[in-house]
Amino acid sequence: MSVRNTIKAQIVAHLNKATFPIASPEALIGAFPNGADTTCTAGDLVVTAGQAGTLLNENHFPFNSAEEVGETIVELAGL
């Protein structure tokens, strides 16, 4: 599996219990099981939810699914 797909799959898995829609960056970080410290890894790449959240701004919200969150983050990260 590619780095992109691995990170996206982990984001989606971490948000499997989240309630959507998510309307703000704060609510998104709060939806991750360990908040900003939730970690996704692929090979040598390690990304926390807090780091990924810095790629987002208010215009990206609301998110309607974990899949949408994962796709947006990997796209903005250039993965």
PDB file of N, CA and C in Angstrom:
ATOM      1  N   MET A   1       0.862  -1.170   0.000  1.00  0.00           N
ATOM      2  CA  MET A   1       0.000   0.000   0.000  1.00  0.00           C
ATOM      3  C   MET A   1       0.911   1.237   0.000  1.00  0.00           C
ATOM      4  N   SER A   2       0.532   2.245  -0.747  1.00  0.00           N
ATOM      5  CA  SER A   2       1.317   3.476  -0.839  1.00  0.00           C
ATOM      6  C   SER A   2       1.257   4.260   0.479  1.00  0.00           C
ATOM      7  N   VAL A   3       2.216   5.164   0.662  1.00  0.00           N
ATOM      8  CA  VAL A   3       2.228   6.031   1.843  1.00  0.00           C
ATOM      9  C   VAL A   3       0.912   6.801   1.918  1.00  0.00           C
ATOM     10  N   ARG A   4       0.473   7.320   0.791  1.00  0.00           N
ATOM     11  CA  ARG A   4      -0.781   8.092   0.738  1.00  0.00           C
ATOM     12  C   ARG A   4      -1.951   7.261   1.244  1.00  0.00           C
ATOM     13  N   ASN A   5      -2.083   6.058   0.710  1.00  0.00           N
ATOM     14  CA  ASN A   5      -3.210   5.200   1.086  1.00  0.00           C
ATOM     15  C   ASN A   5      -3.105   4.728   2.531  1.00  0.00           C
ATOM     16  N   THR A   6      -1.881   4.495   3.004  1.00  0.00           N
ATOM     17  CA  THR A   6      -1.674   4.065   4.385  1.00  0.00           C
ATOM     18  C   THR A   6      -2.094   5.159   5.360  1.00  0.00           C
ATOM     19  N   ILE A   7      -1.630   6.375   5.123  1.00  0.00           N
ATOM     20  CA  ILE A   7      -1.985   7.491   6.013  1.00  0.00           C
ATOM     21  C   ILE A   7      -3.483   7.752   5.960  1.00  0.00           C
ATOM     22  N   LYS A   8      -4.046   7.764   4.772  1.00  0.00           N
ATOM     23  CA  LYS A   8      -5.491   8.001   4.640  1.00  0.00           C
ATOM     24  C   LYS A   8      -6.286   6.930   5.378  1.00  0.00           C
ATOM     25  N   ALA A   9      -5.898   5.663   5.222  1.00  0.00           N
ATOM     26  CA  ALA A   9      -6.615   4.573   5.891  1.00  0.00           C
ATOM     27  C   ALA A   9      -6.534   4.708   7.405  1.00  0.00           C
ATOM     28  N   GLN A  10      -5.390   5.150   7.911  1.00  0.00           N
ATOM     29  CA  GLN A  10      -5.243   5.326   9.357  1.00  0.00           C
ATOM     30  C   GLN A  10      -6.097   6.488   9.863  1.00  0.00           C
ATOM     31  N   ILE A  11      -6.148   7.561   9.099  1.00  0.00           N
ATOM     32  CA  ILE A  11      -7.008   8.698   9.478  1.00  0.00           C
ATOM     33  C   ILE A  11      -8.459   8.241   9.550  1.00  0.00           C
ATOM     34  N   VAL A  12      -8.899   7.539   8.519  1.00  0.00           N
ATOM     35  CA  VAL A  12     -10.286   7.049   8.474  1.00  0.00           C
ATOM     36  C   VAL A  12     -10.552   6.122   9.660  1.00  0.00           C
ATOM     37  N   ALA A  13      -9.610   5.225   9.957  1.00  0.00           N
ATOM     38  CA  ALA A  13      -9.788   4.297  11.077  1.00  0.00           C
ATOM     39  C   ALA A  13      -9.851   5.038  12.413  1.00  0.00           C
ATOM     40  N   HIS A  14      -9.012   6.044  12.583  1.00  0.00           N
ATOM     41  CA  HIS A  14      -9.017   6.814  13.831  1.00  0.00           C
ATOM     42  C   HIS A  14     -10.337   7.554  14.029  1.00  0.00           C
ATOM     43  N   LEU A  15     -11.012   7.885  12.948  1.00  0.00           N
ATOM     44  CA  LEU A  15     -12.265   8.643  13.038  1.00  0.00           C
ATOM     45  C   LEU A  15     -13.500   7.750  12.956  1.00  0.00           C
ATOM     46  N   ASN A  16     -13.328   6.445  13.130  1.00  0.00           N
ATOM     47  CA  ASN A  16     -14.452   5.525  12.944  1.00  0.00           C
ATOM     48  C   ASN A  16     -15.584   5.714  13.955  1.00  0.00           C
ATOM     49  N   LYS A  17     -15.304   6.340  15.085  1.00  0.00           N
ATOM     50  CA  LYS A  17     -16.360   6.570  16.081  1.00  0.00           C
ATOM     51  C   LYS A  17     -16.803   8.030  16.135  1.00  0.00           C
ATOM     52  N   ALA A  18     -16.273   8.840  15.229  1.00  0.00           N
ATOM     53  CA  ALA A  18     -16.621  10.266  15.215  1.00  0.00           C
ATOM     54  C   ALA A  18     -18.050  10.468  14.734  1.00  0.00           C
ATOM     55  N   THR A  19     -18.658  11.528  15.205  1.00  0.00           N
ATOM     56  CA  THR A  19     -19.997  11.911  14.764  1.00  0.00           C
ATOM     57  C   THR A  19     -19.853  13.023  13.733  1.00  0.00           C
ATOM     58  N   PHE A  20     -20.404  12.796  12.562  1.00  0.00           N
ATOM     59  CA  PHE A  20     -20.347  13.773  11.473  1.00  0.00           C
ATOM     60  C   PHE A  20     -21.714  14.387  11.280  1.00  0.00           C
ATOM     61  N   PRO A  21     -21.787  15.613  10.756  1.00  0.00           N
ATOM     62  CA  PRO A  21     -20.694  16.437  10.258  1.00  0.00           C
ATOM     63  C   PRO A  21     -19.853  17.030  11.386  1.00  0.00           C
ATOM     64  N   ILE A  22     -18.597  17.324  11.039  1.00  0.00           N
ATOM     65  CA  ILE A  22     -17.675  18.004  11.944  1.00  0.00           C
ATOM     66  C   ILE A  22     -17.481  19.401  11.371  1.00  0.00           C
ATOM     67  N   ALA A  23     -17.788  20.410  12.191  1.00  0.00           N
ATOM     68  CA  ALA A  23     -17.889  21.774  11.684  1.00  0.00           C
ATOM     69  C   ALA A  23     -16.710  22.691  11.966  1.00  0.00           C
ATOM     70  N   SER A  24     -15.716  22.232  12.756  1.00  0.00           N
ATOM     71  CA  SER A  24     -14.614  23.137  13.088  1.00  0.00           C
ATOM     72  C   SER A  24     -13.321  22.359  13.300  1.00  0.00           C
ATOM     73  N   PRO A  25     -12.181  23.039  13.184  1.00  0.00           N
ATOM     74  CA  PRO A  25     -10.900  22.373  13.444  1.00  0.00           C
ATOM     75  C   PRO A  25     -10.827  21.800  14.867  1.00  0.00           C
ATOM     76  N   GLU A  26     -11.349  22.526  15.832  1.00  0.00           N
ATOM     77  CA  GLU A  26     -11.328  22.063  17.213  1.00  0.00           C
ATOM     78  C   GLU A  26     -12.128  20.781  17.380  1.00  0.00           C
ATOM     79  N   ALA A  27     -13.295  20.724  16.749  1.00  0.00           N
ATOM     80  CA  ALA A  27     -14.121  19.518  16.825  1.00  0.00           C
ATOM     81  C   ALA A  27     -13.445  18.343  16.131  1.00  0.00           C
ATOM     82  N   LEU A  28     -12.738  18.609  15.044  1.00  0.00           N
ATOM     83  CA  LEU A  28     -12.042  17.529  14.338  1.00  0.00           C
ATOM     84  C   LEU A  28     -10.931  16.958  15.216  1.00  0.00           C
ATOM     85  N   ILE A  29     -10.108  17.810  15.786  1.00  0.00           N
ATOM     86  CA  ILE A  29      -9.029  17.332  16.657  1.00  0.00           C
ATOM     87  C   ILE A  29      -9.621  16.549  17.828  1.00  0.00           C
ATOM     88  N   GLY A  30     -10.718  17.031  18.363  1.00  0.00           N
ATOM     89  CA  GLY A  30     -11.382  16.338  19.464  1.00  0.00           C
ATOM     90  C   GLY A  30     -11.962  14.993  19.080  1.00  0.00           C
ATOM     91  N   ALA A  31     -12.216  14.771  17.806  1.00  0.00           N
ATOM     92  CA  ALA A  31     -12.788  13.500  17.338  1.00  0.00           C
ATOM     93  C   ALA A  31     -11.748  12.387  17.238  1.00  0.00           C
ATOM     94  N   PHE A  32     -10.466  12.748  17.204  1.00  0.00           N
ATOM     95  CA  PHE A  32      -9.417  11.731  17.154  1.00  0.00           C
ATOM     96  C   PHE A  32      -9.265  11.119  18.543  1.00  0.00           C
ATOM     97  N   PRO A  33      -8.989   9.818  18.637  1.00  0.00           N
ATOM     98  CA  PRO A  33      -8.966   9.146  19.939  1.00  0.00           C
ATOM     99  C   PRO A  33      -7.986   9.740  20.955  1.00  0.00           C
ATOM    100  N   ASN A  34      -6.848  10.221  20.505  1.00  0.00           N
ATOM    101  CA  ASN A  34      -5.873  10.846  21.406  1.00  0.00           C
ATOM    102  C   ASN A  34      -5.705  12.324  21.082  1.00  0.00           C
ATOM    103  N   GLY A  35      -6.755  12.931  20.538  1.00  0.00           N
ATOM    104  CA  GLY A  35      -6.712  14.349  20.190  1.00  0.00           C
ATOM    105  C   GLY A  35      -5.566  14.657  19.253  1.00  0.00           C
ATOM    106  N   ALA A  36      -4.891  15.765  19.473  1.00  0.00           N
ATOM    107  CA  ALA A  36      -3.807  16.216  18.593  1.00  0.00           C
ATOM    108  C   ALA A  36      -2.627  15.259  18.585  1.00  0.00           C
ATOM    109  N   ASP A  37      -2.518  14.401  19.598  1.00  0.00           N
ATOM    110  CA  ASP A  37      -1.404  13.458  19.682  1.00  0.00           C
ATOM    111  C   ASP A  37      -1.655  12.145  18.944  1.00  0.00           C
ATOM    112  N   THR A  38      -2.837  11.961  18.364  1.00  0.00           N
ATOM    113  CA  THR A  38      -3.116  10.759  17.579  1.00  0.00           C
ATOM    114  C   THR A  38      -2.111  10.689  16.439  1.00  0.00           C
ATOM    115  N   THR A  39      -1.497   9.526  16.249  1.00  0.00           N
ATOM    116  CA  THR A  39      -0.401   9.388  15.300  1.00  0.00           C
ATOM    117  C   THR A  39      -0.752   8.436  14.163  1.00  0.00           C
ATOM    118  N   CYS A  40      -0.335   8.822  12.952  1.00  0.00           N
ATOM    119  CA  CYS A  40      -0.402   7.973  11.774  1.00  0.00           C
ATOM    120  C   CYS A  40       1.027   7.767  11.280  1.00  0.00           C
ATOM    121  N   THR A  41       1.353   6.546  10.886  1.00  0.00           N
ATOM    122  CA  THR A  41       2.700   6.259  10.405  1.00  0.00           C
ATOM    123  C   THR A  41       2.657   5.451   9.125  1.00  0.00           C
ATOM    124  N   ALA A  42       3.644   5.714   8.269  1.00  0.00           N
ATOM    125  CA  ALA A  42       3.836   4.950   7.041  1.00  0.00           C
ATOM    126  C   ALA A  42       5.330   4.978   6.746  1.00  0.00           C
ATOM    127  N   GLY A  43       5.999   3.841   6.951  1.00  0.00           N
ATOM    128  CA  GLY A  43       7.446   3.825   6.784  1.00  0.00           C
ATOM    129  C   GLY A  43       8.083   4.774   7.779  1.00  0.00           C
ATOM    130  N   ASP A  44       8.903   5.692   7.287  1.00  0.00           N
ATOM    131  CA  ASP A  44       9.571   6.669   8.145  1.00  0.00           C
ATOM    132  C   ASP A  44       8.720   7.909   8.417  1.00  0.00           C
ATOM    133  N   LEU A  45       7.574   8.025   7.749  1.00  0.00           N
ATOM    134  CA  LEU A  45       6.713   9.194   7.924  1.00  0.00           C
ATOM    135  C   LEU A  45       5.833   9.017   9.153  1.00  0.00           C
ATOM    136  N   VAL A  46       5.900   9.990  10.045  1.00  0.00           N
ATOM    137  CA  VAL A  46       5.059  10.006  11.247  1.00  0.00           C
ATOM    138  C   VAL A  46       4.354  11.350  11.269  1.00  0.00           C
ATOM    139  N   VAL A  47       3.020  11.311  11.335  1.00  0.00           N
ATOM    140  CA  VAL A  47       2.217  12.528  11.318  1.00  0.00           C
ATOM    141  C   VAL A  47       1.213  12.460  12.457  1.00  0.00           C
ATOM    142  N   THR A  48       1.129  13.530  13.231  1.00  0.00           N
ATOM    143  CA  THR A  48       0.109  13.582  14.286  1.00  0.00           C
ATOM    144  C   THR A  48      -1.120  14.311  13.755  1.00  0.00           C
ATOM    145  N   ALA A  49      -2.229  14.095  14.422  1.00  0.00           N
ATOM    146  CA  ALA A  49      -3.451  14.806  14.039  1.00  0.00           C
ATOM    147  C   ALA A  49      -3.248  16.312  14.174  1.00  0.00           C
ATOM    148  N   GLY A  50      -2.493  16.719  15.171  1.00  0.00           N
ATOM    149  CA  GLY A  50      -2.211  18.140  15.353  1.00  0.00           C
ATOM    150  C   GLY A  50      -1.446  18.721  14.175  1.00  0.00           C
ATOM    151  N   GLN A  51      -0.449  17.983  13.684  1.00  0.00           N
ATOM    152  CA  GLN A  51       0.313  18.439  12.514  1.00  0.00           C
ATOM    153  C   GLN A  51      -0.583  18.477  11.280  1.00  0.00           C
ATOM    154  N   ALA A  52      -1.356  17.431  11.075  1.00  0.00           N
ATOM    155  CA  ALA A  52      -2.252  17.381   9.916  1.00  0.00           C
ATOM    156  C   ALA A  52      -3.273  18.505   9.981  1.00  0.00           C
ATOM    157  N   GLY A  53      -3.734  18.818  11.182  1.00  0.00           N
ATOM    158  CA  GLY A  53      -4.717  19.880  11.350  1.00  0.00           C
ATOM    159  C   GLY A  53      -4.224  21.244  10.920  1.00  0.00           C
ATOM    160  N   THR A  54      -2.900  21.446  10.933  1.00  0.00           N
ATOM    161  CA  THR A  54      -2.369  22.744  10.503  1.00  0.00           C
ATOM    162  C   THR A  54      -2.546  22.974   9.011  1.00  0.00           C
ATOM    163  N   LEU A  55      -2.844  21.913   8.268  1.00  0.00           N
ATOM    164  CA  LEU A  55      -3.071  22.049   6.824  1.00  0.00           C
ATOM    165  C   LEU A  55      -4.469  22.575   6.515  1.00  0.00           C
ATOM    166  N   LEU A  56      -5.353  22.491   7.490  1.00  0.00           N
ATOM    167  CA  LEU A  56      -6.758  22.840   7.279  1.00  0.00           C
ATOM    168  C   LEU A  56      -7.058  24.256   7.740  1.00  0.00           C
ATOM    169  N   ASN A  57      -8.071  24.846   7.093  1.00  0.00           N
ATOM    170  CA  ASN A  57      -8.583  26.134   7.554  1.00  0.00           C
ATOM    171  C   ASN A  57     -10.110  26.063   7.572  1.00  0.00           C
ATOM    172  N   GLU A  58     -10.726  27.109   8.023  1.00  0.00           N
ATOM    173  CA  GLU A  58     -12.192  27.124   8.168  1.00  0.00           C
ATOM    174  C   GLU A  58     -12.927  26.807   6.865  1.00  0.00           C
ATOM    175  N   ASN A  59     -12.307  27.095   5.726  1.00  0.00           N
ATOM    176  CA  ASN A  59     -12.963  26.843   4.440  1.00  0.00           C
ATOM    177  C   ASN A  59     -13.099  25.363   4.112  1.00  0.00           C
ATOM    178  N   HIS A  60     -12.349  24.499   4.802  1.00  0.00           N
ATOM    179  CA  HIS A  60     -12.436  23.057   4.562  1.00  0.00           C
ATOM    180  C   HIS A  60     -13.617  22.416   5.285  1.00  0.00           C
ATOM    181  N   PHE A  61     -14.263  23.150   6.144  1.00  0.00           N
ATOM    182  CA  PHE A  61     -15.336  22.607   6.978  1.00  0.00           C
ATOM    183  C   PHE A  61     -16.697  23.020   6.441  1.00  0.00           C
ATOM    184  N   PRO A  62     -17.718  22.235   6.693  1.00  0.00           N
ATOM    185  CA  PRO A  62     -17.752  21.031   7.512  1.00  0.00           C
ATOM    186  C   PRO A  62     -17.289  19.800   6.734  1.00  0.00           C
ATOM    187  N   PHE A  63     -16.844  18.787   7.488  1.00  0.00           N
ATOM    188  CA  PHE A  63     -16.549  17.475   6.923  1.00  0.00           C
ATOM    189  C   PHE A  63     -17.739  16.583   7.195  1.00  0.00           C
ATOM    190  N   ASN A  64     -18.118  15.787   6.197  1.00  0.00           N
ATOM    191  CA  ASN A  64     -19.283  14.925   6.324  1.00  0.00           C
ATOM    192  C   ASN A  64     -18.959  13.460   6.534  1.00  0.00           C
ATOM    193  N   SER A  65     -17.670  13.089   6.436  1.00  0.00           N
ATOM    194  CA  SER A  65     -17.285  11.693   6.632  1.00  0.00           C
ATOM    195  C   SER A  65     -15.792  11.597   6.942  1.00  0.00           C
ATOM    196  N   ALA A  66     -15.408  10.476   7.528  1.00  0.00           N
ATOM    197  CA  ALA A  66     -13.995  10.220   7.797  1.00  0.00           C
ATOM    198  C   ALA A  66     -13.223  10.116   6.487  1.00  0.00           C
ATOM    199  N   GLU A  67     -13.836   9.535   5.485  1.00  0.00           N
ATOM    200  CA  GLU A  67     -13.213   9.414   4.166  1.00  0.00           C
ATOM    201  C   GLU A  67     -12.877  10.797   3.602  1.00  0.00           C
ATOM    202  N   GLU A  68     -13.780  11.736   3.761  1.00  0.00           N
ATOM    203  CA  GLU A  68     -13.552  13.098   3.278  1.00  0.00           C
ATOM    204  C   GLU A  68     -12.393  13.761   4.029  1.00  0.00           C
ATOM    205  N   VAL A  69     -12.317  13.541   5.330  1.00  0.00           N
ATOM    206  CA  VAL A  69     -11.212  14.090   6.123  1.00  0.00           C
ATOM    207  C   VAL A  69      -9.893  13.505   5.630  1.00  0.00           C
ATOM    208  N   GLY A  70      -9.837  12.188   5.516  1.00  0.00           N
ATOM    209  CA  GLY A  70      -8.611  11.527   5.080  1.00  0.00           C
ATOM    210  C   GLY A  70      -8.155  11.986   3.713  1.00  0.00           C
ATOM    211  N   GLU A  71      -9.066  12.064   2.761  1.00  0.00           N
ATOM    212  CA  GLU A  71      -8.719  12.479   1.408  1.00  0.00           C
ATOM    213  C   GLU A  71      -8.222  13.920   1.388  1.00  0.00           C
ATOM    214  N   THR A  72      -8.886  14.789   2.120  1.00  0.00           N
ATOM    215  CA  THR A  72      -8.478  16.204   2.153  1.00  0.00           C
ATOM    216  C   THR A  72      -7.085  16.355   2.739  1.00  0.00           C
ATOM    217  N   ILE A  73      -6.812  15.670   3.831  1.00  0.00           N
ATOM    218  CA  ILE A  73      -5.509  15.806   4.479  1.00  0.00           C
ATOM    219  C   ILE A  73      -4.385  15.271   3.600  1.00  0.00           C
ATOM    220  N   VAL A  74      -4.557  14.091   3.018  1.00  0.00           N
ATOM    221  CA  VAL A  74      -3.460  13.567   2.180  1.00  0.00           C
ATOM    222  C   VAL A  74      -3.268  14.417   0.926  1.00  0.00           C
ATOM    223  N   GLU A  75      -4.340  14.983   0.413  1.00  0.00           N
ATOM    224  CA  GLU A  75      -4.223  15.860  -0.765  1.00  0.00           C
ATOM    225  C   GLU A  75      -3.469  17.131  -0.393  1.00  0.00           C
ATOM    226  N   LEU A  76      -3.840  17.754   0.703  1.00  0.00           N
ATOM    227  CA  LEU A  76      -3.167  18.988   1.119  1.00  0.00           C
ATOM    228  C   LEU A  76      -1.708  18.757   1.500  1.00  0.00           C
ATOM    229  N   ALA A  77      -1.408  17.553   2.003  1.00  0.00           N
ATOM    230  CA  ALA A  77      -0.030  17.217   2.381  1.00  0.00           C
ATOM    231  C   ALA A  77       0.822  16.849   1.170  1.00  0.00           C
ATOM    232  N   GLY A  78       0.185  16.711   0.021  1.00  0.00           N
ATOM    233  CA  GLY A  78       0.922  16.352  -1.188  1.00  0.00           C
ATOM    234  C   GLY A  78       1.351  14.895  -1.220  1.00  0.00           C
ATOM    235  N   LEU A  79       0.612  14.048  -0.542  1.00  0.00           N
ATOM    236  CA  LEU A  79       0.950  12.607  -0.530  1.00  0.00           C
ATOM    237  C   LEU A  79       0.322  11.894  -1.715  1.00  0.00           C
TER     238      LEU A  79
END
